[in-house]
Amino acid sequence: MSRPHTVVFDTNLFVGAGFNPASASAELLDAVRSGELRMVWSEETRAETRRILEKIPPLDWEAVAELFREEDRVDVTLAASSFTEIPDPDDRKFAALAAETGALLVSSDAHLLAGGDHRFVVCTPGAAREGQRDRSGERAGQAQDRREYREFEKGAVDEIDPEGEGA
């Protein structure tokens, strides 16, 4: 078995999965559960995810808490303050973690997807799911997902359509 691809999930992925169990976001969480993906996290990203999930009924922090595995915790000081080009300060910690670890950042956030920051790679849940399917030999999904994934593979992440399947 090949080594799992390392990812950082923005909070909106957990929200999308909670509201739509058939979504790309939910499939990605299942891939972490099964060990197909490795989700790295920091105290800051975990706290942000927990805070948001606990304030939006009917979302359930306990349903995803197990995905924050101790062995995947990253204990570094994140330089989130150096990501000032990202308008939402709450998003900066996810970008900093992805940059620090070299992990793929998966988000539906238009600001993250539209940015031209080359310190990290970002794509939508749909594009990440498509990449996961390609690696496991499953049939390709929607044409938009395939286009986004090809762009991600080429490094043209700043051209990904932020209006694509986000959750």
C-alpha atoms as a PDB file:
ATOM      1  CA  MET A   1       0.000   0.000   0.000  1.00  0.00           C
ATOM      2  CA  SER A   2       1.329   3.442  -0.890  1.00  0.00           C
ATOM      3  CA  ARG A   3       1.890   6.115   1.706  1.00  0.00           C
ATOM      4  CA  PRO A   4      -1.269   8.184   2.325  1.00  0.00           C
ATOM      5  CA  HIS A   5      -1.396  11.663   0.835  1.00  0.00           C
ATOM      6  CA  THR A   6      -1.113  14.347   3.528  1.00  0.00           C
ATOM      7  CA  VAL A   7      -3.857  16.946   3.750  1.00  0.00           C
ATOM      8  CA  VAL A   8      -4.984  19.908   5.835  1.00  0.00           C
ATOM      9  CA  PHE A   9      -8.752  20.366   5.967  1.00  0.00           C
ATOM     10  CA  ASP A  10     -10.253  23.831   6.352  1.00  0.00           C
ATOM     11  CA  THR A  11     -13.196  23.986   8.749  1.00  0.00           C
ATOM     12  CA  ASN A  12     -15.657  24.429   5.871  1.00  0.00           C
ATOM     13  CA  LEU A  13     -14.902  20.862   4.759  1.00  0.00           C
ATOM     14  CA  PHE A  14     -16.192  19.521   8.098  1.00  0.00           C
ATOM     15  CA  VAL A  15     -19.267  21.750   7.838  1.00  0.00           C
ATOM     16  CA  GLY A  16     -19.977  20.580   4.282  1.00  0.00           C
ATOM     17  CA  ALA A  17     -19.613  16.930   5.286  1.00  0.00           C
ATOM     18  CA  GLY A  18     -21.918  17.430   8.272  1.00  0.00           C
ATOM     19  CA  PHE A  19     -24.698  18.865   6.159  1.00  0.00           C
ATOM     20  CA  ASN A  20     -24.256  16.554   3.171  1.00  0.00           C
ATOM     21  CA  PRO A  21     -23.082  13.011   3.936  1.00  0.00           C
ATOM     22  CA  ALA A  22     -22.957  12.232   0.187  1.00  0.00           C
ATOM     23  CA  SER A  23     -20.585  15.132  -0.572  1.00  0.00           C
ATOM     24  CA  ALA A  24     -16.962  15.151  -1.647  1.00  0.00           C
ATOM     25  CA  SER A  25     -16.162  16.537   1.813  1.00  0.00           C
ATOM     26  CA  ALA A  26     -17.748  13.529   3.508  1.00  0.00           C
ATOM     27  CA  GLU A  27     -15.861  11.160   1.192  1.00  0.00           C
ATOM     28  CA  LEU A  28     -12.596  12.833   2.159  1.00  0.00           C
ATOM     29  CA  LEU A  29     -13.352  12.436   5.867  1.00  0.00           C
ATOM     30  CA  ASP A  30     -14.048   8.749   5.191  1.00  0.00           C
ATOM     31  CA  ALA A  31     -10.672   8.516   3.437  1.00  0.00           C
ATOM     32  CA  VAL A  32      -9.000   9.837   6.604  1.00  0.00           C
ATOM     33  CA  ARG A  33     -10.956   7.328   8.715  1.00  0.00           C
ATOM     34  CA  SER A  34      -9.794   4.455   6.512  1.00  0.00           C
ATOM     35  CA  GLY A  35      -6.175   5.609   6.402  1.00  0.00           C
ATOM     36  CA  GLU A  36      -6.185   6.482   2.695  1.00  0.00           C
ATOM     37  CA  LEU A  37      -5.446  10.111   3.613  1.00  0.00           C
ATOM     38  CA  ARG A  38      -3.386  11.497   6.479  1.00  0.00           C
ATOM     39  CA  MET A  39      -4.852  14.672   7.980  1.00  0.00           C
ATOM     40  CA  VAL A  40      -2.264  16.786   9.775  1.00  0.00           C
ATOM     41  CA  TRP A  41      -3.452  19.301  12.331  1.00  0.00           C
ATOM     42  CA  SER A  42      -2.267  21.783  14.923  1.00  0.00           C
ATOM     43  CA  GLU A  43      -3.835  22.914  18.170  1.00  0.00           C
ATOM     44  CA  GLU A  44      -4.954  26.085  16.391  1.00  0.00           C
ATOM     45  CA  THR A  45      -6.680  24.321  13.480  1.00  0.00           C
ATOM     46  CA  ARG A  46      -8.300  21.739  15.752  1.00  0.00           C
ATOM     47  CA  ALA A  47      -9.611  24.440  18.108  1.00  0.00           C
ATOM     48  CA  GLU A  48     -11.048  26.425  15.190  1.00  0.00           C
ATOM     49  CA  THR A  49     -12.787  23.356  13.760  1.00  0.00           C
ATOM     50  CA  ARG A  50     -14.205  22.411  17.141  1.00  0.00           C
ATOM     51  CA  ARG A  51     -15.401  25.965  17.848  1.00  0.00           C
ATOM     52  CA  ILE A  52     -17.301  26.180  14.570  1.00  0.00           C
ATOM     53  CA  LEU A  53     -18.815  22.692  14.723  1.00  0.00           C
ATOM     54  CA  GLU A  54     -20.025  23.192  18.290  1.00  0.00           C
ATOM     55  CA  LYS A  55     -21.834  26.410  17.422  1.00  0.00           C
ATOM     56  CA  ILE A  56     -23.744  25.116  14.366  1.00  0.00           C
ATOM     57  CA  PRO A  57     -26.552  22.721  15.173  1.00  0.00           C
ATOM     58  CA  PRO A  58     -26.944  19.940  14.058  1.00  0.00           C
ATOM     59  CA  LEU A  59     -23.190  19.509  13.475  1.00  0.00           C
ATOM     60  CA  ASP A  60     -21.367  17.255  15.911  1.00  0.00           C
ATOM     61  CA  TRP A  61     -17.751  17.720  16.992  1.00  0.00           C
ATOM     62  CA  GLU A  62     -17.698  14.243  18.532  1.00  0.00           C
ATOM     63  CA  ALA A  63     -18.414  12.687  15.124  1.00  0.00           C
ATOM     64  CA  VAL A  64     -15.065  13.954  13.796  1.00  0.00           C
ATOM     65  CA  ALA A  65     -12.899  14.346  16.911  1.00  0.00           C
ATOM     66  CA  GLU A  66     -11.354  10.905  16.302  1.00  0.00           C
ATOM     67  CA  LEU A  67      -9.884  12.154  13.007  1.00  0.00           C
ATOM     68  CA  PHE A  68      -7.522  14.446  14.912  1.00  0.00           C
ATOM     69  CA  ARG A  69      -5.074  11.633  15.632  1.00  0.00           C
ATOM     70  CA  GLU A  70      -2.251  12.411  18.021  1.00  0.00           C
ATOM     71  CA  GLU A  71       0.346  10.918  15.659  1.00  0.00           C
ATOM     72  CA  ASP A  72      -0.715  13.447  12.966  1.00  0.00           C
ATOM     73  CA  ARG A  73      -0.467  16.472  15.248  1.00  0.00           C
ATOM     74  CA  VAL A  74       2.089  19.058  14.130  1.00  0.00           C
ATOM     75  CA  ASP A  75       3.823  20.844  16.992  1.00  0.00           C
ATOM     76  CA  VAL A  76       5.287  23.886  15.313  1.00  0.00           C
ATOM     77  CA  THR A  77       4.751  27.565  15.751  1.00  0.00           C
ATOM     78  CA  LEU A  78       2.683  28.522  12.747  1.00  0.00           C
ATOM     79  CA  ALA A  79       3.610  31.790  11.108  1.00  0.00           C
ATOM     80  CA  ALA A  80      -0.022  32.616  10.347  1.00  0.00           C
ATOM     81  CA  SER A  81       0.736  36.324  10.656  1.00  0.00           C
ATOM     82  CA  SER A  82       2.911  36.096   7.530  1.00  0.00           C
ATOM     83  CA  PHE A  83      -0.175  35.240   5.429  1.00  0.00           C
ATOM     84  CA  THR A  84      -1.676  38.743   5.499  1.00  0.00           C
ATOM     85  CA  GLU A  85      -2.760  38.484   1.846  1.00  0.00           C
ATOM     86  CA  ILE A  86      -5.477  36.078   3.057  1.00  0.00           C
ATOM     87  CA  PRO A  87      -8.329  38.389   4.109  1.00  0.00           C
ATOM     88  CA  ASP A  88      -9.803  36.187   6.844  1.00  0.00           C
ATOM     89  CA  PRO A  89      -7.388  35.832   9.775  1.00  0.00           C
ATOM     90  CA  ASP A  90      -9.108  32.545  10.741  1.00  0.00           C
ATOM     91  CA  ASP A  91      -8.025  31.034   7.390  1.00  0.00           C
ATOM     92  CA  ARG A  92      -4.373  31.954   7.821  1.00  0.00           C
ATOM     93  CA  LYS A  93      -3.646  29.174  10.307  1.00  0.00           C
ATOM     94  CA  PHE A  94      -4.749  26.542   7.769  1.00  0.00           C
ATOM     95  CA  ALA A  95      -2.569  28.072   5.048  1.00  0.00           C
ATOM     96  CA  ALA A  96       0.387  28.270   7.440  1.00  0.00           C
ATOM     97  CA  LEU A  97      -0.023  24.617   8.433  1.00  0.00           C
ATOM     98  CA  ALA A  98      -0.183  23.524   4.790  1.00  0.00           C
ATOM     99  CA  ALA A  99       2.901  25.600   3.974  1.00  0.00           C
ATOM    100  CA  GLU A 100       4.818  24.280   6.983  1.00  0.00           C
ATOM    101  CA  THR A 101       4.033  20.607   6.295  1.00  0.00           C
ATOM    102  CA  GLY A 102       3.848  20.580   2.492  1.00  0.00           C
ATOM    103  CA  ALA A 103       0.338  19.131   2.786  1.00  0.00           C
ATOM    104  CA  LEU A 104      -2.477  19.802   0.342  1.00  0.00           C
ATOM    105  CA  LEU A 105      -4.936  22.349   1.771  1.00  0.00           C
ATOM    106  CA  VAL A 106      -8.526  21.387   0.976  1.00  0.00           C
ATOM    107  CA  SER A 107     -11.026  24.227   1.231  1.00  0.00           C
ATOM    108  CA  SER A 108     -14.150  25.728  -0.277  1.00  0.00           C
ATOM    109  CA  ASP A 109     -13.046  29.225   0.700  1.00  0.00           C
ATOM    110  CA  ALA A 110     -12.976  31.457  -2.393  1.00  0.00           C
ATOM    111  CA  HIS A 111     -10.214  33.670  -0.939  1.00  0.00           C
ATOM    112  CA  LEU A 112      -7.914  30.715  -0.370  1.00  0.00           C
ATOM    113  CA  LEU A 113      -8.713  29.191  -3.758  1.00  0.00           C
ATOM    114  CA  ALA A 114      -8.250  32.461  -5.650  1.00  0.00           C
ATOM    115  CA  GLY A 115      -4.991  33.435  -3.952  1.00  0.00           C
ATOM    116  CA  GLY A 116      -1.698  33.232  -5.739  1.00  0.00           C
ATOM    117  CA  ASP A 117       0.367  32.199  -2.725  1.00  0.00           C
ATOM    118  CA  HIS A 118       2.893  29.605  -3.831  1.00  0.00           C
ATOM    119  CA  ARG A 119       3.900  28.598  -0.314  1.00  0.00           C
ATOM    120  CA  PHE A 120       1.048  26.061  -0.259  1.00  0.00           C
ATOM    121  CA  VAL A 121      -1.208  24.147  -2.644  1.00  0.00           C
ATOM    122  CA  VAL A 122      -4.988  24.412  -2.276  1.00  0.00           C
ATOM    123  CA  CYS A 123      -7.940  22.809  -4.045  1.00  0.00           C
ATOM    124  CA  THR A 124     -11.643  22.195  -3.549  1.00  0.00           C
ATOM    125  CA  PRO A 125     -13.012  19.073  -1.876  1.00  0.00           C
ATOM    126  CA  GLY A 126     -14.268  17.924  -5.291  1.00  0.00           C
ATOM    127  CA  ALA A 127     -10.800  18.203  -6.837  1.00  0.00           C
ATOM    128  CA  ALA A 128      -9.180  16.478  -3.864  1.00  0.00           C
ATOM    129  CA  ARG A 129     -11.762  13.685  -4.006  1.00  0.00           C
ATOM    130  CA  GLU A 130     -11.051  13.228  -7.700  1.00  0.00           C
ATOM    131  CA  GLY A 131      -7.356  12.943  -6.951  1.00  0.00           C
ATOM    132  CA  GLN A 132      -8.104  10.330  -4.319  1.00  0.00           C
ATOM    133  CA  ARG A 133     -10.217   8.366  -6.800  1.00  0.00           C
ATOM    134  CA  ASP A 134      -7.473   8.526  -9.418  1.00  0.00           C
ATOM    135  CA  ARG A 135      -4.967   7.110  -6.926  1.00  0.00           C
ATOM    136  CA  SER A 136      -7.288   4.272  -5.935  1.00  0.00           C
ATOM    137  CA  GLY A 137      -8.205   3.346  -9.515  1.00  0.00           C
ATOM    138  CA  GLU A 138     -11.888   4.268  -9.250  1.00  0.00           C
ATOM    139  CA  ARG A 139     -13.846   5.710 -12.140  1.00  0.00           C
ATOM    140  CA  ALA A 140     -13.408   9.439 -12.717  1.00  0.00           C
ATOM    141  CA  GLY A 141     -16.099  11.813 -11.465  1.00  0.00           C
ATOM    142  CA  GLN A 142     -17.494  15.053 -12.788  1.00  0.00           C
ATOM    143  CA  ALA A 143     -15.703  16.880 -15.589  1.00  0.00           C
ATOM    144  CA  GLN A 144     -15.182  19.952 -13.393  1.00  0.00           C
ATOM    145  CA  ASP A 145     -13.473  17.845 -10.743  1.00  0.00           C
ATOM    146  CA  ARG A 146     -11.167  16.298 -13.358  1.00  0.00           C
ATOM    147  CA  ARG A 147     -10.237  19.741 -14.707  1.00  0.00           C
ATOM    148  CA  GLU A 148      -9.522  21.074 -11.241  1.00  0.00           C
ATOM    149  CA  TYR A 149      -7.433  18.073 -10.314  1.00  0.00           C
ATOM    150  CA  ARG A 150      -5.344  18.313 -13.498  1.00  0.00           C
ATOM    151  CA  GLU A 151      -4.747  21.985 -12.718  1.00  0.00           C
ATOM    152  CA  PHE A 152      -3.755  21.070  -9.167  1.00  0.00           C
ATOM    153  CA  GLU A 153      -1.311  18.451 -10.467  1.00  0.00           C
ATOM    154  CA  LYS A 154       0.241  21.035 -12.829  1.00  0.00           C
ATOM    155  CA  GLY A 155       0.520  23.536  -9.982  1.00  0.00           C
ATOM    156  CA  ALA A 156      -1.964  25.966 -11.540  1.00  0.00           C
ATOM    157  CA  VAL A 157      -4.023  26.129  -8.373  1.00  0.00           C
ATOM    158  CA  ASP A 158      -4.743  29.819  -8.774  1.00  0.00           C
ATOM    159  CA  GLU A 159      -6.959  28.938 -11.756  1.00  0.00           C
ATOM    160  CA  ILE A 160      -9.246  26.527  -9.915  1.00  0.00           C
ATOM    161  CA  ASP A 161     -12.884  27.558 -10.066  1.00  0.00           C
ATOM    162  CA  PRO A 162     -13.890  28.447  -6.494  1.00  0.00           C
ATOM    163  CA  GLU A 163     -17.512  27.987  -7.538  1.00  0.00           C
ATOM    164  CA  GLY A 164     -16.891  24.273  -8.257  1.00  0.00           C
ATOM    165  CA  GLU A 165     -18.231  21.588  -5.932  1.00  0.00           C
ATOM    166  CA  GLY A 166     -17.209  22.977  -2.621  1.00  0.00           C
ATOM    167  CA  ALA A 167     -18.751  20.674  -0.060  1.00  0.00           C
END
